[in-house]
Amino acid sequence: MKKQRLLILFLSLLLAGVTVRAQPSNDAERLRISTERAALEAGFIRDDAACYQKFLVNNCLDEVRIKRRDAMADLRRQEISINDQERKARGAEQIQKTEDKASPEKQQEEADKRAEAMRDFDARMARDRQKNADRLKLEANEKSNLETAAAKAKGAQAKESGRTARQAAAAEELKKYNERLEKAKDRQARIAKDKASQANAPANPLPAPP
């Protein structure tokens, strides 16, 4: 009885998890096989339970086991057949796709796609080259402007340095002129002083007659 309750619970869970959808015939066959397997398993469990009510329990169980094995093997063969059919169908589909790709129309279509992709690639490369050229030109212009500004600044600095040097030279010449002027004034002052001293000196007496 315990096995029967477990079987009922198992079947309830199995049937609750099965949703019937619109699928190809192979899916319908798999659903049929699963349902049939569950029903057979339930029957074999009942047969097992009935064997325990018989005198030759082991013989009865062996018979049920053989029936279960044969029935399940047959369902398994059906599943294998379905799987083989699907593999063949997928293989045929793949072959058809390969043949479609090999057809002149498909080849032309692929060639057109490649040509379009190549044109897009060339266009992108041309845009990239133009961008690089524009960037290099801009950088060259900026460098030229910087060099021109630096040259102007250097020229202005050189002019300023020349002006400063000329001013320093003029100041030095003025200093030397002032020094010469002072020396000339000092010399004239000494000469005038000497003359004044000579004018104020007493006259020498005349010599005595012989």
N, C-alpha and C. Protein backbone atom coordinates (compact mmCIF):
# COMPACT_ATOMS: atom_id res chain seq x y z
N MET A 1 0.82 -1.20 0.00
CA MET A 1 0.00 0.00 0.00
C MET A 1 0.87 1.27 0.00
N LYS A 2 1.99 1.19 0.74
CA LYS A 2 2.89 2.34 0.79
C LYS A 2 3.43 2.63 -0.60
N LYS A 3 3.83 1.57 -1.38
CA LYS A 3 4.32 1.77 -2.73
C LYS A 3 3.25 2.38 -3.63
N GLN A 4 2.02 1.96 -3.45
CA GLN A 4 0.95 2.51 -4.27
C GLN A 4 0.74 3.99 -4.00
N ARG A 5 0.82 4.40 -2.71
CA ARG A 5 0.66 5.81 -2.38
C ARG A 5 1.80 6.64 -2.99
N LEU A 6 3.03 6.06 -2.91
CA LEU A 6 4.16 6.76 -3.51
C LEU A 6 3.99 6.90 -5.01
N LEU A 7 3.45 5.83 -5.65
CA LEU A 7 3.24 5.87 -7.09
C LEU A 7 2.21 6.93 -7.45
N ILE A 8 1.13 6.98 -6.67
CA ILE A 8 0.09 7.97 -6.94
C ILE A 8 0.65 9.39 -6.81
N LEU A 9 1.46 9.59 -5.77
CA LEU A 9 2.08 10.89 -5.58
C LEU A 9 3.01 11.23 -6.74
N PHE A 10 3.78 10.21 -7.20
CA PHE A 10 4.71 10.43 -8.31
C PHE A 10 3.96 10.80 -9.59
N LEU A 11 2.88 10.07 -9.87
CA LEU A 11 2.10 10.35 -11.07
C LEU A 11 1.44 11.72 -11.00
N SER A 12 1.00 12.11 -9.80
CA SER A 12 0.36 13.42 -9.66
C SER A 12 1.35 14.53 -9.95
N LEU A 13 2.56 14.39 -9.41
CA LEU A 13 3.59 15.39 -9.66
C LEU A 13 3.98 15.42 -11.14
N LEU A 14 4.09 14.22 -11.76
CA LEU A 14 4.46 14.15 -13.16
C LEU A 14 3.42 14.82 -14.04
N LEU A 15 2.15 14.50 -13.81
CA LEU A 15 1.09 15.05 -14.63
C LEU A 15 0.93 16.55 -14.38
N ALA A 16 1.20 16.99 -13.15
CA ALA A 16 1.09 18.42 -12.84
C ALA A 16 2.17 19.21 -13.56
N GLY A 17 3.33 18.57 -13.80
CA GLY A 17 4.44 19.26 -14.46
C GLY A 17 4.37 19.22 -15.95
N VAL A 18 3.46 18.49 -16.54
CA VAL A 18 3.37 18.36 -17.99
C VAL A 18 2.42 19.41 -18.53
N THR A 19 2.89 20.22 -19.48
CA THR A 19 2.04 21.21 -20.16
C THR A 19 2.02 20.88 -21.63
N VAL A 20 0.83 20.74 -22.14
CA VAL A 20 0.66 20.37 -23.54
C VAL A 20 0.73 21.65 -24.38
N ARG A 21 1.67 21.71 -25.29
CA ARG A 21 1.84 22.86 -26.16
C ARG A 21 1.83 22.41 -27.62
N ALA A 22 1.63 23.36 -28.48
CA ALA A 22 1.65 23.05 -29.91
C ALA A 22 3.09 22.87 -30.33
N GLN A 23 3.54 21.64 -30.47
CA GLN A 23 4.91 21.29 -30.83
C GLN A 23 4.87 20.36 -32.04
N PRO A 24 6.02 20.17 -32.68
CA PRO A 24 6.08 19.21 -33.78
C PRO A 24 5.74 17.80 -33.29
N SER A 25 5.59 16.90 -34.23
CA SER A 25 5.15 15.54 -33.92
C SER A 25 6.11 14.82 -32.98
N ASN A 26 7.40 15.11 -33.06
CA ASN A 26 8.36 14.45 -32.18
C ASN A 26 8.11 14.79 -30.72
N ASP A 27 7.77 16.03 -30.44
CA ASP A 27 7.46 16.41 -29.06
C ASP A 27 6.20 15.70 -28.59
N ALA A 28 5.22 15.57 -29.47
CA ALA A 28 3.99 14.86 -29.11
C ALA A 28 4.30 13.39 -28.83
N GLU A 29 5.20 12.81 -29.62
CA GLU A 29 5.58 11.41 -29.39
C GLU A 29 6.30 11.26 -28.05
N ARG A 30 7.15 12.20 -27.73
CA ARG A 30 7.85 12.12 -26.45
C ARG A 30 6.86 12.22 -25.28
N LEU A 31 5.89 13.09 -25.41
CA LEU A 31 4.87 13.21 -24.38
C LEU A 31 4.08 11.91 -24.25
N ARG A 32 3.75 11.31 -25.40
CA ARG A 32 3.03 10.02 -25.34
C ARG A 32 3.87 8.96 -24.65
N ILE A 33 5.17 8.89 -25.00
CA ILE A 33 6.05 7.87 -24.41
C ILE A 33 6.18 8.09 -22.90
N SER A 34 6.32 9.36 -22.48
CA SER A 34 6.42 9.64 -21.04
C SER A 34 5.16 9.24 -20.30
N THR A 35 4.02 9.57 -20.91
CA THR A 35 2.75 9.20 -20.28
C THR A 35 2.59 7.68 -20.20
N GLU A 36 2.94 7.01 -21.29
CA GLU A 36 2.83 5.56 -21.32
C GLU A 36 3.81 4.92 -20.32
N ARG A 37 5.00 5.47 -20.22
CA ARG A 37 5.97 4.93 -19.27
C ARG A 37 5.45 5.06 -17.83
N ALA A 38 4.89 6.24 -17.53
CA ALA A 38 4.35 6.45 -16.18
C ALA A 38 3.20 5.48 -15.89
N ALA A 39 2.32 5.27 -16.89
CA ALA A 39 1.19 4.35 -16.68
C ALA A 39 1.69 2.92 -16.49
N LEU A 40 2.67 2.52 -17.31
CA LEU A 40 3.21 1.16 -17.17
C LEU A 40 3.89 0.98 -15.82
N GLU A 41 4.63 2.00 -15.39
CA GLU A 41 5.31 1.91 -14.10
C GLU A 41 4.30 1.75 -12.96
N ALA A 42 3.18 2.48 -13.08
CA ALA A 42 2.14 2.35 -12.07
C ALA A 42 1.56 0.93 -12.06
N GLY A 43 1.34 0.39 -13.25
CA GLY A 43 0.83 -0.98 -13.33
C GLY A 43 1.81 -1.98 -12.76
N PHE A 44 3.12 -1.81 -13.05
CA PHE A 44 4.12 -2.75 -12.54
C PHE A 44 4.24 -2.67 -11.01
N ILE A 45 4.06 -1.47 -10.48
CA ILE A 45 4.10 -1.34 -9.02
C ILE A 45 2.91 -2.07 -8.40
N ARG A 46 1.75 -1.97 -9.04
CA ARG A 46 0.58 -2.73 -8.54
C ARG A 46 0.82 -4.23 -8.65
N ASP A 47 1.47 -4.64 -9.77
CA ASP A 47 1.76 -6.06 -9.94
C ASP A 47 2.75 -6.54 -8.88
N ASP A 48 3.74 -5.69 -8.58
CA ASP A 48 4.69 -6.06 -7.51
C ASP A 48 3.97 -6.25 -6.18
N ALA A 49 3.07 -5.31 -5.91
CA ALA A 49 2.33 -5.42 -4.65
C ALA A 49 1.46 -6.68 -4.64
N ALA A 50 0.89 -7.02 -5.80
CA ALA A 50 0.05 -8.23 -5.86
C ALA A 50 0.86 -9.50 -5.68
N CYS A 51 2.14 -9.47 -6.08
CA CYS A 51 2.98 -10.67 -5.94
C CYS A 51 3.16 -11.08 -4.49
N TYR A 52 3.15 -10.09 -3.62
CA TYR A 52 3.35 -10.40 -2.20
C TYR A 52 2.13 -11.12 -1.60
N GLN A 53 1.04 -11.14 -2.34
CA GLN A 53 -0.13 -11.87 -1.89
C GLN A 53 -0.14 -13.31 -2.39
N LYS A 54 0.85 -13.65 -3.25
CA LYS A 54 0.89 -14.99 -3.82
C LYS A 54 1.87 -15.87 -3.07
N PHE A 55 1.78 -17.17 -3.32
CA PHE A 55 2.64 -18.12 -2.64
C PHE A 55 4.07 -18.03 -3.19
N LEU A 56 4.21 -18.03 -4.51
CA LEU A 56 5.53 -17.94 -5.15
C LEU A 56 5.84 -16.47 -5.43
N VAL A 57 6.26 -15.79 -4.39
CA VAL A 57 6.48 -14.35 -4.50
C VAL A 57 7.61 -14.03 -5.47
N ASN A 58 8.74 -14.74 -5.31
CA ASN A 58 9.91 -14.42 -6.14
C ASN A 58 9.65 -14.67 -7.62
N ASN A 59 9.01 -15.79 -7.91
CA ASN A 59 8.69 -16.07 -9.31
C ASN A 59 7.81 -14.98 -9.91
N CYS A 60 6.83 -14.55 -9.10
CA CYS A 60 5.94 -13.49 -9.58
C CYS A 60 6.70 -12.20 -9.81
N LEU A 61 7.59 -11.85 -8.88
CA LEU A 61 8.37 -10.63 -9.03
C LEU A 61 9.29 -10.70 -10.24
N ASP A 62 9.86 -11.89 -10.50
CA ASP A 62 10.71 -12.05 -11.67
C ASP A 62 9.93 -11.82 -12.95
N GLU A 63 8.73 -12.36 -12.98
CA GLU A 63 7.90 -12.17 -14.18
C GLU A 63 7.58 -10.69 -14.40
N VAL A 64 7.23 -10.00 -13.31
CA VAL A 64 6.92 -8.56 -13.42
C VAL A 64 8.17 -7.79 -13.88
N ARG A 65 9.35 -8.21 -13.35
CA ARG A 65 10.59 -7.54 -13.71
C ARG A 65 10.89 -7.70 -15.21
N ILE A 66 10.63 -8.91 -15.73
CA ILE A 66 10.86 -9.15 -17.16
C ILE A 66 9.91 -8.31 -18.01
N LYS A 67 8.65 -8.27 -17.58
CA LYS A 67 7.67 -7.47 -18.33
C LYS A 67 8.07 -5.98 -18.31
N ARG A 68 8.50 -5.52 -17.13
CA ARG A 68 8.92 -4.11 -17.02
C ARG A 68 10.10 -3.83 -17.94
N ARG A 69 11.09 -4.75 -17.92
CA ARG A 69 12.28 -4.54 -18.73
C ARG A 69 11.95 -4.49 -20.21
N ASP A 70 11.08 -5.43 -20.67
CA ASP A 70 10.72 -5.45 -22.08
C ASP A 70 9.94 -4.20 -22.48
N ALA A 71 8.99 -3.83 -21.60
CA ALA A 71 8.15 -2.66 -21.93
C ALA A 71 8.99 -1.38 -21.97
N MET A 72 9.86 -1.23 -20.97
CA MET A 72 10.69 -0.02 -20.93
C MET A 72 11.70 -0.01 -22.08
N ALA A 73 12.21 -1.20 -22.44
CA ALA A 73 13.15 -1.27 -23.57
C ALA A 73 12.46 -0.85 -24.86
N ASP A 74 11.21 -1.25 -25.03
CA ASP A 74 10.48 -0.87 -26.23
C ASP A 74 10.27 0.64 -26.29
N LEU A 75 9.89 1.23 -25.14
CA LEU A 75 9.72 2.69 -25.11
C LEU A 75 11.06 3.40 -25.37
N ARG A 76 12.13 2.81 -24.84
CA ARG A 76 13.44 3.40 -25.07
C ARG A 76 13.82 3.34 -26.55
N ARG A 77 13.47 2.24 -27.20
CA ARG A 77 13.74 2.13 -28.63
C ARG A 77 12.98 3.19 -29.41
N GLN A 78 11.75 3.46 -28.98
CA GLN A 78 10.96 4.50 -29.64
C GLN A 78 11.61 5.88 -29.47
N GLU A 79 12.11 6.14 -28.26
CA GLU A 79 12.79 7.41 -28.02
C GLU A 79 14.05 7.53 -28.89
N ILE A 80 14.81 6.44 -28.96
CA ILE A 80 16.02 6.46 -29.79
C ILE A 80 15.67 6.71 -31.25
N SER A 81 14.57 6.11 -31.70
CA SER A 81 14.14 6.32 -33.08
C SER A 81 13.79 7.79 -33.33
N ILE A 82 13.10 8.40 -32.37
CA ILE A 82 12.75 9.82 -32.51
C ILE A 82 14.02 10.67 -32.57
N ASN A 83 14.97 10.35 -31.68
CA ASN A 83 16.23 11.11 -31.66
C ASN A 83 16.99 10.96 -32.98
N ASP A 84 16.97 9.74 -33.52
CA ASP A 84 17.64 9.52 -34.81
C ASP A 84 16.98 10.34 -35.91
N GLN A 85 15.64 10.37 -35.90
CA GLN A 85 14.93 11.16 -36.90
C GLN A 85 15.29 12.64 -36.80
N GLU A 86 15.38 13.12 -35.56
CA GLU A 86 15.73 14.53 -35.38
C GLU A 86 17.14 14.82 -35.85
N ARG A 87 18.07 13.90 -35.55
CA ARG A 87 19.44 14.09 -36.01
C ARG A 87 19.51 14.10 -37.54
N LYS A 88 18.76 13.19 -38.15
CA LYS A 88 18.75 13.16 -39.61
C LYS A 88 18.15 14.45 -40.18
N ALA A 89 17.08 14.92 -39.51
CA ALA A 89 16.44 16.15 -39.99
C ALA A 89 17.41 17.33 -39.86
N ARG A 90 18.13 17.40 -38.72
CA ARG A 90 19.10 18.48 -38.55
C ARG A 90 20.24 18.39 -39.57
N GLY A 91 20.66 17.13 -39.83
CA GLY A 91 21.70 16.95 -40.84
C GLY A 91 21.23 17.39 -42.22
N ALA A 92 19.98 17.02 -42.56
CA ALA A 92 19.44 17.43 -43.86
C ALA A 92 19.30 18.95 -43.94
N GLU A 93 18.89 19.55 -42.82
CA GLU A 93 18.77 21.01 -42.80
C GLU A 93 20.13 21.68 -42.99
N GLN A 94 21.15 21.11 -42.34
CA GLN A 94 22.49 21.66 -42.48
C GLN A 94 23.00 21.52 -43.92
N ILE A 95 22.71 20.36 -44.49
CA ILE A 95 23.10 20.14 -45.90
C ILE A 95 22.40 21.15 -46.80
N GLN A 96 21.10 21.36 -46.53
CA GLN A 96 20.34 22.31 -47.34
C GLN A 96 20.92 23.72 -47.20
N LYS A 97 21.29 24.08 -45.96
CA LYS A 97 21.90 25.40 -45.76
C LYS A 97 23.22 25.51 -46.52
N THR A 98 23.98 24.42 -46.48
CA THR A 98 25.26 24.43 -47.20
C THR A 98 25.03 24.57 -48.70
N GLU A 99 24.01 23.83 -49.21
CA GLU A 99 23.70 23.92 -50.64
C GLU A 99 23.21 25.32 -51.01
N ASP A 100 22.40 25.91 -50.08
CA ASP A 100 21.91 27.26 -50.35
C ASP A 100 23.07 28.25 -50.44
N LYS A 101 24.04 28.06 -49.54
CA LYS A 101 25.20 28.95 -49.56
C LYS A 101 26.01 28.77 -50.84
N ALA A 102 25.99 27.52 -51.37
CA ALA A 102 26.78 27.24 -52.58
C ALA A 102 26.06 27.64 -53.85
N SER A 103 24.79 28.05 -53.77
CA SER A 103 24.05 28.41 -54.97
C SER A 103 24.57 29.73 -55.53
N PRO A 104 24.46 29.94 -56.86
CA PRO A 104 24.94 31.19 -57.46
C PRO A 104 24.30 32.43 -56.85
N GLU A 105 22.99 32.33 -56.57
CA GLU A 105 22.31 33.48 -55.99
C GLU A 105 22.89 33.81 -54.62
N LYS A 106 23.12 32.76 -53.81
CA LYS A 106 23.66 32.97 -52.47
C LYS A 106 25.09 33.49 -52.54
N GLN A 107 25.85 32.93 -53.48
CA GLN A 107 27.22 33.41 -53.64
C GLN A 107 27.26 34.88 -54.05
N GLN A 108 26.36 35.27 -54.96
CA GLN A 108 26.29 36.66 -55.38
C GLN A 108 25.89 37.56 -54.22
N GLU A 109 24.93 37.06 -53.42
CA GLU A 109 24.49 37.82 -52.25
C GLU A 109 25.64 38.02 -51.27
N GLU A 110 26.40 36.94 -51.03
CA GLU A 110 27.55 37.04 -50.12
C GLU A 110 28.61 37.97 -50.70
N ALA A 111 28.82 37.90 -52.02
CA ALA A 111 29.80 38.78 -52.66
C ALA A 111 29.38 40.23 -52.54
N ASP A 112 28.08 40.49 -52.70
CA ASP A 112 27.58 41.86 -52.55
C ASP A 112 27.77 42.36 -51.12
N LYS A 113 27.53 41.47 -50.16
CA LYS A 113 27.72 41.86 -48.76
C LYS A 113 29.18 42.16 -48.48
N ARG A 114 30.06 41.30 -49.01
CA ARG A 114 31.49 41.56 -48.79
C ARG A 114 31.93 42.86 -49.45
N ALA A 115 31.41 43.11 -50.66
CA ALA A 115 31.77 44.34 -51.35
C ALA A 115 31.28 45.57 -50.58
N GLU A 116 30.05 45.48 -50.07
CA GLU A 116 29.51 46.59 -49.29
C GLU A 116 30.31 46.80 -48.01
N ALA A 117 30.67 45.69 -47.35
CA ALA A 117 31.49 45.80 -46.14
C ALA A 117 32.85 46.41 -46.45
N MET A 118 33.43 46.04 -47.60
CA MET A 118 34.72 46.60 -48.00
C MET A 118 34.60 48.10 -48.28
N ARG A 119 33.49 48.48 -48.94
CA ARG A 119 33.29 49.92 -49.20
C ARG A 119 33.14 50.70 -47.89
N ASP A 120 32.39 50.11 -46.96
CA ASP A 120 32.24 50.77 -45.65
C ASP A 120 33.60 50.89 -44.96
N PHE A 121 34.39 49.83 -45.06
CA PHE A 121 35.71 49.85 -44.42
C PHE A 121 36.60 50.92 -45.06
N ASP A 122 36.61 50.97 -46.41
CA ASP A 122 37.42 51.97 -47.10
C ASP A 122 36.97 53.39 -46.72
N ALA A 123 35.64 53.56 -46.60
CA ALA A 123 35.13 54.89 -46.25
C ALA A 123 35.57 55.28 -44.84
N ARG A 124 35.50 54.32 -43.92
CA ARG A 124 35.95 54.61 -42.56
C ARG A 124 37.44 54.92 -42.53
N MET A 125 38.23 54.16 -43.30
CA MET A 125 39.67 54.42 -43.35
C MET A 125 39.96 55.80 -43.93
N ALA A 126 39.20 56.18 -44.97
CA ALA A 126 39.41 57.49 -45.59
C ALA A 126 39.07 58.60 -44.59
N ARG A 127 37.97 58.42 -43.84
CA ARG A 127 37.60 59.42 -42.84
C ARG A 127 38.68 59.52 -41.76
N ASP A 128 39.20 58.36 -41.35
CA ASP A 128 40.26 58.37 -40.34
C ASP A 128 41.51 59.07 -40.85
N ARG A 129 41.88 58.78 -42.11
CA ARG A 129 43.06 59.44 -42.69
C ARG A 129 42.86 60.96 -42.75
N GLN A 130 41.66 61.38 -43.15
CA GLN A 130 41.38 62.81 -43.24
C GLN A 130 41.45 63.47 -41.86
N LYS A 131 40.91 62.76 -40.86
CA LYS A 131 40.97 63.30 -39.50
C LYS A 131 42.41 63.43 -39.03
N ASN A 132 43.22 62.41 -39.34
CA ASN A 132 44.63 62.46 -38.95
C ASN A 132 45.35 63.61 -39.66
N ALA A 133 45.05 63.77 -40.97
CA ALA A 133 45.68 64.85 -41.73
C ALA A 133 45.28 66.21 -41.16
N ASP A 134 43.98 66.37 -40.85
CA ASP A 134 43.52 67.64 -40.27
C ASP A 134 44.19 67.89 -38.92
N ARG A 135 44.32 66.84 -38.13
CA ARG A 135 44.94 67.00 -36.81
C ARG A 135 46.41 67.38 -36.95
N LEU A 136 47.14 66.71 -37.89
CA LEU A 136 48.54 67.04 -38.11
C LEU A 136 48.70 68.47 -38.61
N LYS A 137 47.79 68.89 -39.50
CA LYS A 137 47.85 70.26 -40.02
C LYS A 137 47.62 71.27 -38.90
N LEU A 138 46.64 70.98 -38.06
CA LEU A 138 46.37 71.87 -36.93
C LEU A 138 47.56 71.95 -35.99
N GLU A 139 48.17 70.78 -35.70
CA GLU A 139 49.33 70.77 -34.83
C GLU A 139 50.50 71.53 -35.46
N ALA A 140 50.67 71.37 -36.80
CA ALA A 140 51.74 72.09 -37.48
C ALA A 140 51.51 73.60 -37.41
N ASN A 141 50.25 74.03 -37.59
CA ASN A 141 49.93 75.46 -37.51
C ASN A 141 50.19 75.99 -36.10
N GLU A 142 49.79 75.22 -35.12
CA GLU A 142 50.02 75.65 -33.75
C GLU A 142 51.52 75.74 -33.46
N LYS A 143 52.29 74.77 -33.96
CA LYS A 143 53.74 74.80 -33.75
C LYS A 143 54.35 76.02 -34.43
N SER A 144 53.88 76.29 -35.67
CA SER A 144 54.40 77.44 -36.40
C SER A 144 54.08 78.74 -35.67
N ASN A 145 52.86 78.83 -35.15
CA ASN A 145 52.47 80.03 -34.40
C ASN A 145 53.32 80.19 -33.15
N LEU A 146 53.59 79.10 -32.47
CA LEU A 146 54.43 79.16 -31.28
C LEU A 146 55.85 79.59 -31.63
N GLU A 147 56.37 79.02 -32.72
CA GLU A 147 57.72 79.39 -33.13
C GLU A 147 57.79 80.87 -33.52
N THR A 148 56.77 81.36 -34.22
CA THR A 148 56.75 82.77 -34.60
C THR A 148 56.70 83.66 -33.37
N ALA A 149 55.84 83.28 -32.43
CA ALA A 149 55.73 84.06 -31.19
C ALA A 149 57.04 84.04 -30.42
N ALA A 150 57.69 82.86 -30.39
CA ALA A 150 58.98 82.76 -29.70
C ALA A 150 60.04 83.61 -30.38
N ALA A 151 60.05 83.60 -31.72
CA ALA A 151 61.02 84.42 -32.45
C ALA A 151 60.79 85.90 -32.19
N LYS A 152 59.52 86.33 -32.17
CA LYS A 152 59.22 87.73 -31.89
C LYS A 152 59.67 88.11 -30.48
N ALA A 153 59.39 87.22 -29.54
CA ALA A 153 59.80 87.48 -28.16
C ALA A 153 61.31 87.55 -28.05
N LYS A 154 62.01 86.67 -28.77
CA LYS A 154 63.47 86.69 -28.74
C LYS A 154 64.01 87.96 -29.37
N GLY A 155 63.40 88.39 -30.50
CA GLY A 155 63.82 89.63 -31.14
C GLY A 155 63.60 90.83 -30.24
N ALA A 156 62.43 90.84 -29.58
CA ALA A 156 62.15 91.95 -28.66
C ALA A 156 63.14 91.96 -27.51
N GLN A 157 63.46 90.74 -27.03
CA GLN A 157 64.44 90.65 -25.95
C GLN A 157 65.81 91.14 -26.41
N ALA A 158 66.18 90.76 -27.65
CA ALA A 158 67.47 91.21 -28.19
C ALA A 158 67.50 92.73 -28.33
N LYS A 159 66.38 93.30 -28.82
CA LYS A 159 66.32 94.76 -28.94
C LYS A 159 66.43 95.42 -27.58
N GLU A 160 65.73 94.86 -26.61
CA GLU A 160 65.79 95.42 -25.27
C GLU A 160 67.21 95.32 -24.71
N SER A 161 67.85 94.16 -24.97
CA SER A 161 69.22 94.00 -24.51
C SER A 161 70.15 95.01 -25.18
N GLY A 162 69.99 95.24 -26.51
CA GLY A 162 70.79 96.22 -27.23
C GLY A 162 70.58 97.62 -26.71
N ARG A 163 69.30 97.96 -26.46
CA ARG A 163 68.99 99.29 -25.93
C ARG A 163 69.62 99.49 -24.56
N THR A 164 69.52 98.43 -23.75
CA THR A 164 70.13 98.51 -22.41
C THR A 164 71.64 98.68 -22.51
N ALA A 165 72.25 97.92 -23.45
CA ALA A 165 73.71 98.03 -23.64
C ALA A 165 74.08 99.42 -24.11
N ARG A 166 73.32 100.00 -25.05
CA ARG A 166 73.61 101.35 -25.53
C ARG A 166 73.45 102.38 -24.43
N GLN A 167 72.42 102.19 -23.62
CA GLN A 167 72.22 103.11 -22.51
C GLN A 167 73.38 103.03 -21.52
N ALA A 168 73.83 101.78 -21.25
CA ALA A 168 74.96 101.61 -20.34
C ALA A 168 76.22 102.25 -20.92
N ALA A 169 76.46 102.08 -22.23
CA ALA A 169 77.63 102.67 -22.87
C ALA A 169 77.56 104.20 -22.83
N ALA A 170 76.37 104.74 -23.08
CA ALA A 170 76.21 106.20 -23.04
C ALA A 170 76.46 106.73 -21.64
N ALA A 171 75.95 105.98 -20.64
CA ALA A 171 76.19 106.41 -19.27
C ALA A 171 77.67 106.39 -18.93
N GLU A 172 78.36 105.37 -19.43
CA GLU A 172 79.80 105.26 -19.18
C GLU A 172 80.56 106.41 -19.85
N GLU A 173 80.16 106.74 -21.08
CA GLU A 173 80.79 107.85 -21.79
C GLU A 173 80.54 109.16 -21.05
N LEU A 174 79.31 109.33 -20.55
CA LEU A 174 78.99 110.55 -19.81
C LEU A 174 79.83 110.65 -18.54
N LYS A 175 80.00 109.51 -17.90
CA LYS A 175 80.82 109.48 -16.69
C LYS A 175 82.27 109.89 -17.00
N LYS A 176 82.80 109.28 -18.08
CA LYS A 176 84.17 109.61 -18.47
C LYS A 176 84.29 111.10 -18.85
N TYR A 177 83.30 111.63 -19.53
CA TYR A 177 83.32 113.04 -19.93
C TYR A 177 83.32 113.93 -18.69
N ASN A 178 82.48 113.57 -17.74
CA ASN A 178 82.43 114.37 -16.51
C ASN A 178 83.75 114.31 -15.77
N GLU A 179 84.37 113.11 -15.79
CA GLU A 179 85.66 113.00 -15.12
C GLU A 179 86.71 113.86 -15.82
N ARG A 180 86.73 113.84 -17.17
CA ARG A 180 87.70 114.67 -17.91
C ARG A 180 87.44 116.15 -17.65
N LEU A 181 86.15 116.48 -17.59
CA LEU A 181 85.79 117.88 -17.33
C LEU A 181 86.28 118.33 -15.96
N GLU A 182 86.13 117.49 -14.98
CA GLU A 182 86.59 117.82 -13.63
C GLU A 182 88.09 117.97 -13.60
N LYS A 183 88.77 117.03 -14.32
CA LYS A 183 90.23 117.13 -14.36
C LYS A 183 90.67 118.44 -15.03
N ALA A 184 89.98 118.83 -16.11
CA ALA A 184 90.32 120.09 -16.80
C ALA A 184 90.10 121.28 -15.88
N LYS A 185 89.02 121.26 -15.14
CA LYS A 185 88.74 122.36 -14.20
C LYS A 185 89.82 122.42 -13.13
N ASP A 186 90.21 121.24 -12.62
CA ASP A 186 91.25 121.22 -11.59
C ASP A 186 92.56 121.78 -12.15
N ARG A 187 92.89 121.41 -13.38
CA ARG A 187 94.13 121.87 -13.98
C ARG A 187 94.10 123.40 -14.19
N GLN A 188 92.97 123.87 -14.70
CA GLN A 188 92.84 125.31 -14.90
C GLN A 188 92.93 126.06 -13.56
N ALA A 189 92.36 125.44 -12.53
CA ALA A 189 92.41 126.09 -11.21
C ALA A 189 93.84 126.17 -10.70
N ARG A 190 94.61 125.11 -10.92
CA ARG A 190 95.99 125.11 -10.46
C ARG A 190 96.82 126.16 -11.24
N ILE A 191 96.55 126.19 -12.56
CA ILE A 191 97.28 127.17 -13.39
C ILE A 191 96.97 128.59 -12.91
N ALA A 192 95.70 128.85 -12.68
CA ALA A 192 95.31 130.20 -12.22
C ALA A 192 95.92 130.51 -10.87
N LYS A 193 95.99 129.50 -10.02
CA LYS A 193 96.58 129.72 -8.69
C LYS A 193 98.06 130.01 -8.80
N ASP A 194 98.72 129.25 -9.70
CA ASP A 194 100.14 129.48 -9.88
C ASP A 194 100.39 130.89 -10.42
N LYS A 195 99.60 131.36 -11.34
CA LYS A 195 99.76 132.70 -11.90
C LYS A 195 99.55 133.75 -10.83
N ALA A 196 98.57 133.53 -10.01
CA ALA A 196 98.28 134.50 -8.95
C ALA A 196 99.44 134.57 -7.97
N SER A 197 100.00 133.42 -7.68
CA SER A 197 101.13 133.39 -6.74
C SER A 197 102.31 134.12 -7.32
N GLN A 198 102.57 133.96 -8.60
CA GLN A 198 103.69 134.62 -9.24
C GLN A 198 103.48 136.15 -9.28
N ALA A 199 102.27 136.58 -9.46
CA ALA A 199 101.99 138.02 -9.55
C ALA A 199 102.17 138.69 -8.18
N ASN A 200 101.90 138.04 -7.15
CA ASN A 200 101.99 138.63 -5.81
C ASN A 200 103.39 138.48 -5.22
N ALA A 201 104.28 137.79 -5.81
CA ALA A 201 105.62 137.61 -5.25
C ALA A 201 106.42 138.92 -5.40
N PRO A 202 107.33 139.35 -4.38
CA PRO A 202 108.12 140.59 -4.48
C PRO A 202 109.14 140.49 -5.61
N ALA A 203 109.50 141.70 -6.18
CA ALA A 203 110.46 141.72 -7.27
C ALA A 203 111.87 141.54 -6.73
N ASN A 204 112.72 140.94 -7.45
CA ASN A 204 114.11 140.73 -7.02
C ASN A 204 114.89 142.06 -7.06
N PRO A 205 115.76 142.40 -6.10
CA PRO A 205 116.51 143.67 -6.13
C PRO A 205 117.50 143.69 -7.30
N LEU A 206 117.79 144.97 -7.75
CA LEU A 206 118.70 145.10 -8.86
C LEU A 206 120.10 144.81 -8.38
N PRO A 207 120.95 144.40 -9.17
CA PRO A 207 122.34 144.14 -8.71
C PRO A 207 123.10 145.45 -8.47
N ALA A 208 124.09 145.45 -7.54
CA ALA A 208 124.87 146.65 -7.19
C ALA A 208 125.82 146.98 -8.34
N PRO A 209 126.09 148.35 -8.51
CA PRO A 209 127.00 148.74 -9.59
C PRO A 209 128.42 148.30 -9.25
N PRO A 210 129.24 148.10 -10.15
CA PRO A 210 130.67 147.73 -9.88
C PRO A 210 131.47 148.91 -9.41
